[in-house]
C-alpha atoms as a PDB file:
ATOM      1  CA  MET A   1       1.779  10.645 -29.456  1.00  0.00           C
ATOM      2  CA  ARG A   2      -1.799  10.100 -28.520  1.00  0.00           C
ATOM      3  CA  VAL A   3      -0.897   8.000 -25.638  1.00  0.00           C
ATOM      4  CA  MET A   4       1.490  10.743 -24.496  1.00  0.00           C
ATOM      5  CA  SER A   5      -1.085  13.426 -25.009  1.00  0.00           C
ATOM      6  CA  ALA A   6      -3.758  11.382 -23.102  1.00  0.00           C
ATOM      7  CA  ARG A   7      -1.324  10.831 -20.240  1.00  0.00           C
ATOM      8  CA  ALA A   8      -0.644  14.656 -20.116  1.00  0.00           C
ATOM      9  CA  SER A   9      -4.347  15.404 -20.110  1.00  0.00           C
ATOM     10  CA  ARG A  10      -4.956  13.053 -17.179  1.00  0.00           C
ATOM     11  CA  ALA A  11      -2.075  14.490 -15.251  1.00  0.00           C
ATOM     12  CA  ALA A  12      -3.410  18.135 -15.881  1.00  0.00           C
ATOM     13  CA  GLY A  13      -6.718  16.990 -14.698  1.00  0.00           C
ATOM     14  CA  PHE A  14      -5.431  15.401 -11.746  1.00  0.00           C
ATOM     15  CA  GLY A  15      -3.452  18.691 -11.085  1.00  0.00           C
ATOM     16  CA  ARG A  16      -6.522  20.945 -11.480  1.00  0.00           C
ATOM     17  CA  SER A  17      -8.663  18.761  -9.300  1.00  0.00           C
ATOM     18  CA  PHE A  18      -5.864  18.379  -6.558  1.00  0.00           C
ATOM     19  CA  GLY A  19      -4.988  22.126  -6.701  1.00  0.00           C
ATOM     20  CA  GLY A  20      -8.873  23.073  -6.332  1.00  0.00           C
ATOM     21  CA  ARG A  21      -9.039  20.800  -3.249  1.00  0.00           C
ATOM     22  CA  LEU A  22      -5.804  22.083  -1.782  1.00  0.00           C
ATOM     23  CA  ALA A  23      -6.913  25.762  -2.146  1.00  0.00           C
ATOM     24  CA  GLN A  24     -10.380  24.542  -0.240  1.00  0.00           C
ATOM     25  CA  GLY A  25      -8.260  22.837   2.404  1.00  0.00           C
ATOM     26  CA  LEU A  26      -6.117  26.144   2.980  1.00  0.00           C
ATOM     27  CA  ALA A  27      -8.978  28.124   3.091  1.00  0.00           C
ATOM     28  CA  ALA A  28     -10.669  25.848   5.870  1.00  0.00           C
ATOM     29  CA  ALA A  29      -7.538  25.953   7.746  1.00  0.00           C
ATOM     30  CA  PHE A  30      -7.341  29.805   7.691  1.00  0.00           C
ATOM     31  CA  GLY A  31     -11.163  29.863   8.683  1.00  0.00           C
ATOM     32  CA  ALA A  32     -10.622  27.419  11.563  1.00  0.00           C
ATOM     33  CA  SER A  33      -7.481  29.324  12.856  1.00  0.00           C
ATOM     34  CA  LEU A  34      -9.597  32.485  12.894  1.00  0.00           C
ATOM     35  CA  LEU A  35     -12.502  30.679  14.739  1.00  0.00           C
ATOM     36  CA  VAL A  36     -10.149  29.034  17.326  1.00  0.00           C
ATOM     37  CA  TRP A  37      -8.196  32.366  18.080  1.00  0.00           C
ATOM     38  CA  LEU A  38     -11.641  33.995  18.687  1.00  0.00           C
ATOM     39  CA  MET A  39     -12.380  31.728  21.565  1.00  0.00           C
ATOM     40  CA  LEU A  40     -10.098  34.121  23.654  1.00  0.00           C
ATOM     41  CA  PRO A  41     -11.237  37.809  22.795  1.00  0.00           C
ATOM     42  CA  LEU A  42     -14.970  36.549  22.531  1.00  0.00           C
ATOM     43  CA  ALA A  43     -14.822  34.753  26.004  1.00  0.00           C
ATOM     44  CA  PRO A  44     -16.644  36.669  28.842  1.00  0.00           C
ATOM     45  CA  GLY A  45     -14.392  38.358  31.381  1.00  0.00           C
ATOM     46  CA  ASP A  46     -10.825  39.741  31.303  1.00  0.00           C
ATOM     47  CA  PRO A  47      -8.126  37.232  30.166  1.00  0.00           C
ATOM     48  CA  VAL A  48      -5.967  38.261  32.962  1.00  0.00           C
ATOM     49  CA  ASP A  49      -8.693  37.498  35.446  1.00  0.00           C
ATOM     50  CA  MET A  50      -8.693  33.948  33.735  1.00  0.00           C
ATOM     51  CA  ILE A  51      -5.039  33.504  34.031  1.00  0.00           C
ATOM     52  CA  LEU A  52      -5.203  34.477  37.486  1.00  0.00           C
ATOM     53  CA  ALA A  53      -7.985  32.176  38.434  1.00  0.00           C
ATOM     54  CA  ALA A  54      -6.201  29.412  36.416  1.00  0.00           C
ATOM     55  CA  ARG A  55      -3.187  29.875  38.568  1.00  0.00           C
ATOM     56  CA  ARG A  56      -5.476  30.171  41.847  1.00  0.00           C
ATOM     57  CA  ILE A  57      -4.109  33.802  42.667  1.00  0.00           C
ATOM     58  CA  GLU A  58      -6.744  35.315  44.546  1.00  0.00           C
ATOM     59  CA  GLU A  59      -4.953  38.733  45.458  1.00  0.00           C
ATOM     60  CA  PRO A  60      -2.749  39.846  42.585  1.00  0.00           C
ATOM     61  CA  THR A  61      -0.440  42.925  42.915  1.00  0.00           C
ATOM     62  CA  PRO A  62      -0.802  45.746  40.206  1.00  0.00           C
ATOM     63  CA  GLU A  63       2.872  44.816  39.078  1.00  0.00           C
ATOM     64  CA  MET A  64       1.653  41.319  38.525  1.00  0.00           C
ATOM     65  CA  ILE A  65      -1.229  42.256  36.429  1.00  0.00           C
ATOM     66  CA  THR A  66       0.860  44.510  34.354  1.00  0.00           C
ATOM     67  CA  LEU A  67       3.340  41.698  33.955  1.00  0.00           C
ATOM     68  CA  LEU A  68       0.777  39.104  32.857  1.00  0.00           C
ATOM     69  CA  ARG A  69      -0.583  41.813  30.204  1.00  0.00           C
ATOM     70  CA  ASP A  70       2.783  42.149  28.953  1.00  0.00           C
ATOM     71  CA  ARG A  71       3.993  38.623  28.889  1.00  0.00           C
ATOM     72  CA  PHE A  72       0.819  37.563  27.013  1.00  0.00           C
ATOM     73  CA  GLY A  73       0.456  40.519  24.713  1.00  0.00           C
ATOM     74  CA  LEU A  74      -2.891  41.362  26.099  1.00  0.00           C
ATOM     75  CA  ASP A  75      -2.688  45.033  25.421  1.00  0.00           C
ATOM     76  CA  LEU A  76      -1.886  44.847  21.863  1.00  0.00           C
ATOM     77  CA  PRO A  77      -4.575  45.464  19.058  1.00  0.00           C
ATOM     78  CA  LEU A  78      -6.673  42.208  18.161  1.00  0.00           C
ATOM     79  CA  TRP A  79      -5.198  42.181  14.769  1.00  0.00           C
ATOM     80  CA  GLN A  80      -1.764  42.397  15.988  1.00  0.00           C
ATOM     81  CA  ARG A  81      -2.459  39.523  18.508  1.00  0.00           C
ATOM     82  CA  TYR A  82      -3.991  37.265  16.003  1.00  0.00           C
ATOM     83  CA  LEU A  83      -0.824  37.628  13.631  1.00  0.00           C
ATOM     84  CA  HIS A  84       1.471  37.048  16.479  1.00  0.00           C
ATOM     85  CA  TRP A  85      -0.444  33.913  17.299  1.00  0.00           C
ATOM     86  CA  VAL A  86      -0.594  32.778  13.742  1.00  0.00           C
ATOM     87  CA  ALA A  87       3.155  33.284  13.267  1.00  0.00           C
ATOM     88  CA  GLY A  88       3.577  31.191  16.523  1.00  0.00           C
ATOM     89  CA  VAL A  89       1.542  28.359  15.476  1.00  0.00           C
ATOM     90  CA  LEU A  90       3.094  28.175  12.003  1.00  0.00           C
ATOM     91  CA  GLN A  91       6.561  27.456  14.196  1.00  0.00           C
ATOM     92  CA  GLY A  92       4.783  25.135  16.399  1.00  0.00           C
ATOM     93  CA  ASP A  93       4.349  27.538  19.260  1.00  0.00           C
ATOM     94  CA  PHE A  94       0.835  27.954  20.646  1.00  0.00           C
ATOM     95  CA  GLY A  95       1.840  30.228  23.709  1.00  0.00           C
ATOM     96  CA  LEU A  96       2.266  29.533  27.319  1.00  0.00           C
ATOM     97  CA  SER A  97      -0.412  27.623  29.407  1.00  0.00           C
ATOM     98  CA  TRP A  98      -2.244  29.996  31.821  1.00  0.00           C
ATOM     99  CA  ARG A  99      -2.223  27.132  34.480  1.00  0.00           C
ATOM    100  CA  THR A 100       1.244  25.981  34.435  1.00  0.00           C
ATOM    101  CA  GLY A 101       3.140  28.856  32.743  1.00  0.00           C
ATOM    102  CA  GLU A 102       5.017  26.102  30.570  1.00  0.00           C
ATOM    103  CA  PRO A 103       4.822  26.231  26.662  1.00  0.00           C
ATOM    104  CA  VAL A 104       1.554  24.588  25.448  1.00  0.00           C
ATOM    105  CA  MET A 105       3.018  22.139  23.242  1.00  0.00           C
ATOM    106  CA  HIS A 106       5.360  20.830  25.938  1.00  0.00           C
ATOM    107  CA  GLY A 107       2.332  19.693  27.981  1.00  0.00           C
ATOM    108  CA  ILE A 108       0.852  18.038  24.836  1.00  0.00           C
ATOM    109  CA  PHE A 109       3.683  16.432  23.446  1.00  0.00           C
ATOM    110  CA  ARG A 110       4.331  14.619  26.805  1.00  0.00           C
ATOM    111  CA  ARG A 111       0.675  13.137  26.678  1.00  0.00           C
ATOM    112  CA  LEU A 112       0.593  12.814  22.801  1.00  0.00           C
ATOM    113  CA  PRO A 113       2.052   9.142  22.729  1.00  0.00           C
ATOM    114  CA  ALA A 114      -0.903   7.915  24.846  1.00  0.00           C
ATOM    115  CA  THR A 115      -3.449   9.639  22.653  1.00  0.00           C
ATOM    116  CA  LEU A 116      -1.718   8.428  19.533  1.00  0.00           C
ATOM    117  CA  GLN A 117      -1.938   4.855  20.712  1.00  0.00           C
ATOM    118  CA  LEU A 118      -5.642   5.102  21.672  1.00  0.00           C
ATOM    119  CA  VAL A 119      -6.654   6.597  18.407  1.00  0.00           C
ATOM    120  CA  GLY A 120      -4.458   4.770  16.149  1.00  0.00           C
ATOM    121  CA  LEU A 121      -5.809   1.318  17.844  1.00  0.00           C
ATOM    122  CA  SER A 122      -9.549   2.515  17.564  1.00  0.00           C
ATOM    123  CA  PHE A 123      -9.159   3.630  14.131  1.00  0.00           C
ATOM    124  CA  VAL A 124      -7.872   0.069  13.115  1.00  0.00           C
ATOM    125  CA  ILE A 125     -10.584  -1.519  15.039  1.00  0.00           C
ATOM    126  CA  SER A 126     -13.236   0.784  13.388  1.00  0.00           C
ATOM    127  CA  VAL A 127     -11.824   0.081   9.753  1.00  0.00           C
ATOM    128  CA  ILE A 128     -11.953  -3.570  10.138  1.00  0.00           C
ATOM    129  CA  TRP A 129     -15.053  -3.818  12.190  1.00  0.00           C
ATOM    130  CA  SER A 130     -17.265  -2.032   9.816  1.00  0.00           C
ATOM    131  CA  LEU A 131     -15.731  -3.568   6.636  1.00  0.00           C
ATOM    132  CA  ALA A 132     -16.363  -6.984   7.949  1.00  0.00           C
ATOM    133  CA  LEU A 133     -19.877  -6.185   9.159  1.00  0.00           C
ATOM    134  CA  ALA A 134     -20.688  -4.572   5.843  1.00  0.00           C
ATOM    135  CA  LEU A 135     -19.547  -7.694   3.755  1.00  0.00           C
ATOM    136  CA  VAL A 136     -21.432  -9.958   6.209  1.00  0.00           C
ATOM    137  CA  ALA A 137     -24.715  -7.902   6.004  1.00  0.00           C
ATOM    138  CA  VAL A 138     -24.627  -7.930   2.215  1.00  0.00           C
ATOM    139  CA  GLN A 139     -23.522 -11.502   1.816  1.00  0.00           C
ATOM    140  CA  TRP A 140     -26.696 -12.573   3.714  1.00  0.00           C
ATOM    141  CA  LEU A 141     -28.842  -9.648   2.476  1.00  0.00           C
ATOM    142  CA  GLY A 142     -32.158  -9.657   3.915  1.00  0.00           C
ATOM    143  CA  ARG A 143     -31.592 -12.671   6.243  1.00  0.00           C
ATOM    144  CA  TRP A 144     -31.002 -12.794  10.071  1.00  0.00           C
ATOM    145  CA  PRO A 145     -27.243 -11.706   9.849  1.00  0.00           C
ATOM    146  CA  ASP A 146     -28.143  -8.636   7.840  1.00  0.00           C
ATOM    147  CA  ARG A 147     -31.003  -7.812  10.114  1.00  0.00           C
ATOM    148  CA  LEU A 148     -28.611  -8.111  13.185  1.00  0.00           C
ATOM    149  CA  VAL A 149     -26.183  -5.797  11.530  1.00  0.00           C
ATOM    150  CA  LEU A 150     -28.782  -3.232  10.955  1.00  0.00           C
ATOM    151  CA  ALA A 151     -30.218  -3.342  14.441  1.00  0.00           C
ATOM    152  CA  TYR A 152     -26.512  -3.000  15.802  1.00  0.00           C
ATOM    153  CA  THR A 153     -25.696   0.035  13.869  1.00  0.00           C
ATOM    154  CA  ARG A 154     -28.795   1.706  14.546  1.00  0.00           C
ATOM    155  CA  ILE A 155     -28.574   1.276  18.289  1.00  0.00           C
ATOM    156  CA  LEU A 156     -24.816   2.180  18.258  1.00  0.00           C
ATOM    157  CA  ALA A 157     -25.413   5.153  16.068  1.00  0.00           C
ATOM    158  CA  ALA A 158     -28.013   6.643  18.530  1.00  0.00           C
ATOM    159  CA  MET A 159     -26.046   5.784  21.640  1.00  0.00           C
ATOM    160  CA  PRO A 160     -23.615   8.321  22.906  1.00  0.00           C
ATOM    161  CA  SER A 161     -19.847   6.867  23.287  1.00  0.00           C
ATOM    162  CA  PHE A 162     -19.655   7.540  26.670  1.00  0.00           C
ATOM    163  CA  VAL A 163     -22.759   5.511  27.706  1.00  0.00           C
ATOM    164  CA  LEU A 164     -21.136   2.503  25.915  1.00  0.00           C
ATOM    165  CA  ALA A 165     -18.009   3.290  27.788  1.00  0.00           C
ATOM    166  CA  LEU A 166     -19.722   3.372  31.294  1.00  0.00           C
ATOM    167  CA  LEU A 167     -21.438   0.101  30.286  1.00  0.00           C
ATOM    168  CA  LEU A 168     -18.161  -1.470  29.495  1.00  0.00           C
ATOM    169  CA  LEU A 169     -16.592  -0.308  32.605  1.00  0.00           C
ATOM    170  CA  GLN A 170     -19.510  -1.790  34.827  1.00  0.00           C
ATOM    171  CA  PHE A 171     -19.653  -5.311  33.156  1.00  0.00           C
ATOM    172  CA  VAL A 172     -16.085  -5.859  31.935  1.00  0.00           C
ATOM    173  CA  VAL A 173     -13.864  -4.079  34.540  1.00  0.00           C
ATOM    174  CA  VAL A 174     -16.155  -4.082  37.378  1.00  0.00           C
ATOM    175  CA  GLY A 175     -17.949  -7.421  36.720  1.00  0.00           C
ATOM    176  CA  PHE A 176     -15.269  -9.549  35.404  1.00  0.00           C
ATOM    177  CA  GLY A 177     -12.483  -7.792  36.858  1.00  0.00           C
ATOM    178  CA  LEU A 178     -10.527  -7.435  33.656  1.00  0.00           C
ATOM    179  CA  GLY A 179      -8.491  -4.060  33.735  1.00  0.00           C
ATOM    180  CA  ARG A 180      -8.824  -1.418  36.571  1.00  0.00           C
ATOM    181  CA  VAL A 181     -11.213   1.483  36.849  1.00  0.00           C
ATOM    182  CA  LEU A 182      -8.130   3.821  37.628  1.00  0.00           C
ATOM    183  CA  SER A 183      -5.869   2.448  34.897  1.00  0.00           C
ATOM    184  CA  GLY A 184      -2.703   4.650  35.121  1.00  0.00           C
ATOM    185  CA  GLY A 185      -1.994   3.603  31.440  1.00  0.00           C
ATOM    186  CA  ALA A 186      -2.814  -0.005  31.852  1.00  0.00           C
ATOM    187  CA  GLY A 187      -2.684  -2.157  28.450  1.00  0.00           C
ATOM    188  CA  VAL A 188      -6.161  -3.540  29.011  1.00  0.00           C
ATOM    189  CA  THR A 189      -7.825  -0.012  29.540  1.00  0.00           C
ATOM    190  CA  LEU A 190      -6.392   0.976  26.160  1.00  0.00           C
ATOM    191  CA  ILE A 191      -7.831  -2.012  24.386  1.00  0.00           C
ATOM    192  CA  LEU A 192     -11.346  -1.260  26.181  1.00  0.00           C
ATOM    193  CA  ALA A 193     -11.203   2.455  25.288  1.00  0.00           C
ATOM    194  CA  ALA A 194     -10.030   1.866  21.955  1.00  0.00           C
ATOM    195  CA  ALA A 195     -12.950  -0.518  21.444  1.00  0.00           C
ATOM    196  CA  VAL A 196     -15.455   1.952  22.504  1.00  0.00           C
ATOM    197  CA  LEU A 197     -14.196   4.614  20.274  1.00  0.00           C
ATOM    198  CA  GLY A 198     -13.738   2.291  17.364  1.00  0.00           C
ATOM    199  CA  ILE A 199     -16.996   0.505  17.727  1.00  0.00           C
ATOM    200  CA  ASP A 200     -18.748   3.832  17.926  1.00  0.00           C
ATOM    201  CA  ARG A 201     -17.362   5.177  14.598  1.00  0.00           C
ATOM    202  CA  ALA A 202     -17.883   1.868  12.803  1.00  0.00           C
ATOM    203  CA  ALA A 203     -21.623   2.007  13.166  1.00  0.00           C
ATOM    204  CA  GLY A 204     -22.121   4.733  10.503  1.00  0.00           C
ATOM    205  CA  TRP A 205     -19.211   3.483   8.360  1.00  0.00           C
ATOM    206  CA  THR A 206     -21.000   0.177   8.157  1.00  0.00           C
ATOM    207  CA  GLN A 207     -24.283   1.559   7.046  1.00  0.00           C
ATOM    208  CA  LEU A 208     -22.555   3.560   4.280  1.00  0.00           C
ATOM    209  CA  LEU A 209     -20.404   0.653   2.945  1.00  0.00           C
ATOM    210  CA  ARG A 210     -23.430  -1.673   3.158  1.00  0.00           C
ATOM    211  CA  ALA A 211     -25.662   0.863   1.000  1.00  0.00           C
ATOM    212  CA  GLY A 212     -22.784   1.076  -1.475  1.00  0.00           C
ATOM    213  CA  LEU A 213     -22.348  -2.719  -1.837  1.00  0.00           C
ATOM    214  CA  ILE A 214     -25.898  -3.247  -2.462  1.00  0.00           C
ATOM    215  CA  ASP A 215     -25.912  -0.385  -5.088  1.00  0.00           C
ATOM    216  CA  HIS A 216     -22.930  -1.891  -6.967  1.00  0.00           C
ATOM    217  CA  LEU A 217     -24.238  -5.290  -6.819  1.00  0.00           C
ATOM    218  CA  GLY A 218     -27.000  -4.246  -9.150  1.00  0.00           C
ATOM    219  CA  ARG A 219     -24.903  -2.679 -11.802  1.00  0.00           C
ATOM    220  CA  GLY A 220     -23.420  -4.015 -14.942  1.00  0.00           C
ATOM    221  CA  PRO A 221     -20.215  -5.442 -14.071  1.00  0.00           C
ATOM    222  CA  ALA A 222     -21.865  -7.555 -11.083  1.00  0.00           C
ATOM    223  CA  ASP A 223     -24.413  -8.733 -13.510  1.00  0.00           C
ATOM    224  CA  VAL A 224     -21.965  -9.687 -15.983  1.00  0.00           C
ATOM    225  CA  ALA A 225     -19.892 -11.673 -13.448  1.00  0.00           C
ATOM    226  CA  ARG A 226     -22.951 -13.509 -12.263  1.00  0.00           C
ATOM    227  CA  ALA A 227     -24.188 -14.315 -15.779  1.00  0.00           C
ATOM    228  CA  ARG A 228     -20.774 -16.041 -16.205  1.00  0.00           C
ATOM    229  CA  GLY A 229     -21.147 -18.168 -13.398  1.00  0.00           C
ATOM    230  CA  ALA A 230     -18.903 -16.292 -10.576  1.00  0.00           C
ATOM    231  CA  LYS A 231     -19.673 -17.169  -7.084  1.00  0.00           C
ATOM    232  CA  PRO A 232     -21.575 -14.661  -4.893  1.00  0.00           C
ATOM    233  CA  SER A 233     -18.603 -13.965  -2.629  1.00  0.00           C
ATOM    234  CA  ARG A 234     -16.448 -13.349  -5.753  1.00  0.00           C
ATOM    235  CA  VAL A 235     -18.942 -10.839  -7.125  1.00  0.00           C
ATOM    236  CA  LEU A 236     -19.251  -9.091  -3.939  1.00  0.00           C
ATOM    237  CA  VAL A 237     -15.667  -8.827  -3.101  1.00  0.00           C
ATOM    238  CA  VAL A 238     -14.164  -8.412  -6.631  1.00  0.00           C
ATOM    239  CA  TYR A 239     -16.948  -6.514  -8.526  1.00  0.00           C
ATOM    240  CA  ALA A 240     -18.989  -4.427  -5.867  1.00  0.00           C
ATOM    241  CA  LEU A 241     -16.398  -3.750  -3.099  1.00  0.00           C
ATOM    242  CA  PRO A 242     -13.887  -1.690  -5.069  1.00  0.00           C
ATOM    243  CA  PRO A 243     -16.252   1.108  -6.553  1.00  0.00           C
ATOM    244  CA  ALA A 244     -18.198   0.952  -2.938  1.00  0.00           C
ATOM    245  CA  VAL A 245     -15.109   1.641  -1.153  1.00  0.00           C
ATOM    246  CA  LEU A 246     -14.554   5.167  -2.288  1.00  0.00           C
ATOM    247  CA  PRO A 247     -17.250   7.107  -0.368  1.00  0.00           C
ATOM    248  CA  TRP A 248     -16.836   4.805   2.499  1.00  0.00           C
ATOM    249  CA  LEU A 249     -12.927   5.537   2.295  1.00  0.00           C
ATOM    250  CA  THR A 250     -13.964   9.370   2.375  1.00  0.00           C
ATOM    251  CA  ALA A 251     -15.971   9.073   5.385  1.00  0.00           C
ATOM    252  CA  VAL A 252     -13.180   7.119   7.222  1.00  0.00           C
ATOM    253  CA  GLY A 253     -10.686   9.694   6.316  1.00  0.00           C
ATOM    254  CA  VAL A 254     -12.954  12.804   7.474  1.00  0.00           C
ATOM    255  CA  SER A 255     -13.766  11.050  10.695  1.00  0.00           C
ATOM    256  CA  LEU A 256     -10.131  10.720  11.842  1.00  0.00           C
ATOM    257  CA  GLY A 257     -10.432  14.371  13.208  1.00  0.00           C
ATOM    258  CA  GLY A 258     -13.555  12.989  15.151  1.00  0.00           C
ATOM    259  CA  LEU A 259     -11.608  10.274  16.766  1.00  0.00           C
ATOM    260  CA  ILE A 260      -9.127  12.856  18.158  1.00  0.00           C
ATOM    261  CA  GLY A 261     -12.015  15.120  19.051  1.00  0.00           C
ATOM    262  CA  GLY A 262     -13.693  12.236  20.834  1.00  0.00           C
ATOM    263  CA  ALA A 263     -10.770  11.071  22.701  1.00  0.00           C
ATOM    264  CA  PRO A 264     -11.109  13.614  25.793  1.00  0.00           C
ATOM    265  CA  VAL A 265     -14.376  12.146  27.232  1.00  0.00           C
ATOM    266  CA  LEU A 266     -13.100   8.553  27.025  1.00  0.00           C
ATOM    267  CA  GLU A 267      -9.777   9.405  28.414  1.00  0.00           C
ATOM    268  CA  SER A 268     -11.390  10.841  31.332  1.00  0.00           C
ATOM    269  CA  ILE A 269     -13.808   7.671  31.704  1.00  0.00           C
ATOM    270  CA  PHE A 270     -10.876   5.343  31.488  1.00  0.00           C
ATOM    271  CA  THR A 271      -8.443   7.484  33.281  1.00  0.00           C
ATOM    272  CA  TRP A 272      -6.286   7.207  30.285  1.00  0.00           C
ATOM    273  CA  PRO A 273      -3.129   9.527  30.489  1.00  0.00           C
ATOM    274  CA  GLY A 274      -3.449  11.324  27.102  1.00  0.00           C
ATOM    275  CA  VAL A 275      -3.791  14.847  25.776  1.00  0.00           C
ATOM    276  CA  GLY A 276      -7.822  14.518  26.119  1.00  0.00           C
ATOM    277  CA  GLN A 277      -7.497  14.112  30.069  1.00  0.00           C
ATOM    278  CA  HIS A 278      -4.977  17.183  29.948  1.00  0.00           C
ATOM    279  CA  VAL A 279      -7.358  19.248  27.813  1.00  0.00           C
ATOM    280  CA  LEU A 280     -10.423  18.307  30.150  1.00  0.00           C
ATOM    281  CA  GLN A 281      -8.311  19.922  33.108  1.00  0.00           C
ATOM    282  CA  ALA A 282      -7.623  22.914  30.962  1.00  0.00           C
ATOM    283  CA  LEU A 283     -11.606  23.307  30.471  1.00  0.00           C
ATOM    284  CA  SER A 284     -12.145  23.137  34.089  1.00  0.00           C
ATOM    285  CA  VAL A 285      -9.782  26.135  34.933  1.00  0.00           C
ATOM    286  CA  ARG A 286     -10.444  27.830  31.234  1.00  0.00           C
ATOM    287  CA  ASP A 287      -6.925  27.536  30.256  1.00  0.00           C
ATOM    288  CA  VAL A 288      -7.741  28.929  26.814  1.00  0.00           C
ATOM    289  CA  PRO A 289      -4.350  28.514  25.071  1.00  0.00           C
ATOM    290  CA  VAL A 290      -4.404  24.570  25.714  1.00  0.00           C
ATOM    291  CA  ILE A 291      -8.024  24.322  24.543  1.00  0.00           C
ATOM    292  CA  GLN A 292      -7.189  26.368  21.426  1.00  0.00           C
ATOM    293  CA  ALA A 293      -4.245  24.188  20.632  1.00  0.00           C
ATOM    294  CA  PHE A 294      -6.054  21.192  20.875  1.00  0.00           C
ATOM    295  CA  VAL A 295      -9.092  22.245  18.762  1.00  0.00           C
ATOM    296  CA  LEU A 296      -7.011  23.630  16.139  1.00  0.00           C
ATOM    297  CA  ILE A 297      -4.837  20.416  15.983  1.00  0.00           C
ATOM    298  CA  ALA A 298      -8.146  18.233  15.611  1.00  0.00           C
ATOM    299  CA  VAL A 299      -9.350  20.616  12.874  1.00  0.00           C
ATOM    300  CA  LEU A 300      -6.187  20.488  10.995  1.00  0.00           C
ATOM    301  CA  THR A 301      -6.049  16.550  11.291  1.00  0.00           C
ATOM    302  CA  TYR A 302      -9.798  16.693   9.778  1.00  0.00           C
ATOM    303  CA  VAL A 303      -8.611  19.199   6.794  1.00  0.00           C
ATOM    304  CA  GLY A 304      -5.401  16.980   6.266  1.00  0.00           C
ATOM    305  CA  ALA A 305      -7.186  13.734   6.303  1.00  0.00           C
ATOM    306  CA  SER A 306      -9.974  15.151   3.960  1.00  0.00           C
ATOM    307  CA  LEU A 307      -7.411  16.276   1.560  1.00  0.00           C
ATOM    308  CA  LEU A 308      -5.379  12.950   1.556  1.00  0.00           C
ATOM    309  CA  VAL A 309      -8.562  11.032   0.828  1.00  0.00           C
ATOM    310  CA  ASP A 310      -9.733  13.436  -1.778  1.00  0.00           C
ATOM    311  CA  THR A 311      -6.510  12.972  -3.501  1.00  0.00           C
ATOM    312  CA  LEU A 312      -6.611   9.341  -3.224  1.00  0.00           C
ATOM    313  CA  ALA A 313     -10.086   9.279  -4.771  1.00  0.00           C
ATOM    314  CA  ILE A 314      -9.127  11.577  -7.581  1.00  0.00           C
ATOM    315  CA  ALA A 315      -6.340   9.071  -8.205  1.00  0.00           C
ATOM    316  CA  LEU A 316      -8.618   6.067  -8.178  1.00  0.00           C
ATOM    317  CA  ASP A 317     -11.725   7.519  -9.919  1.00  0.00           C
ATOM    318  CA  PRO A 318     -11.434   9.464 -13.161  1.00  0.00           C
ATOM    319  CA  ARG A 319     -14.704  10.852 -12.894  1.00  0.00           C
ATOM    320  CA  LEU A 320     -13.830  12.958  -9.972  1.00  0.00           C
ATOM    321  CA  ARG A 321     -11.261  14.829 -12.045  1.00  0.00           C
ATOM    322  CA  SER A 322     -11.572  18.124 -13.995  1.00  0.00           C
ATOM    323  CA  PRO A 323     -14.403  18.168 -16.481  1.00  0.00           C
ATOM    324  CA  GLN A 324     -11.893  19.354 -18.974  1.00  0.00           C
ATOM    325  CA  GLU A 325     -10.210  16.062 -19.113  1.00  0.00           C
ATOM    326  CA  PRO A 326     -11.032  14.126 -22.276  1.00  0.00           C
ATOM    327  CA  ARG A 327     -12.814  10.969 -21.391  1.00  0.00           C
ATOM    328  CA  ARG A 328     -12.420   7.715 -22.903  1.00  0.00           C
END
């Protein structure tokens, strides 16, 4: 009975913690939707003028202006326009592109596979690279490999990703002839763009994991293992890495939205035919519905990844659960 009671208590503690984080995530999603939608009514100028400019129509007729206002619901009160927009978003409908007149999600879905390839590969590169560098640095703590990793992460943390991308284009593509400046979707370009995005993100993750490993190497379990004659590599991987992974995992999860948000600049530099390049074209003509859709998708990805990582952390670490749960 005690075992069943303890299990029920742990399950209740997990449920309370998960429910609290879910409520926070929903509140963040609502706030994000409101801020993203306000991009339109708070933008300077008449939305009809922006639609006409996006479509390169210089001398519209009064009938055309009336038709556009009716088609985009611009004569409705703001609160009704927001509710209509939210109702559409919940069904996957972000409205019509001002530039092309097609549904926003049609243009995004056509280019989404290319962006998912870039973000997915960069995510794998950044995770493996940061994990490997942190382990190398701590294994040779205070020696030249550790100092080299620290110098690398500090330089990369201070360098914008587009600078690294331009350097890579100059030395790898132009200098060695690997890939093409105008890729058109070439595989080599995907690897180069993903490497830039992944290496840029890995710098901060490496510093975080290195600090966590050093902290846990000085705690009881690691000290006991060393006293029993365990090898330094075993102490590092078995006793220091698992507890140090939780904050690192949180940083990795919440940075997923940043990977998507950082894609447009790199897709433009490497001429990768993804959603990011489509969004930059929308920015150039102030195609607000496309920009709204991209920003909200990136924010919701961030919120969803944060919720997933928090849930995993709660499951792995009982200390993060509700304080009402009895501790053993």
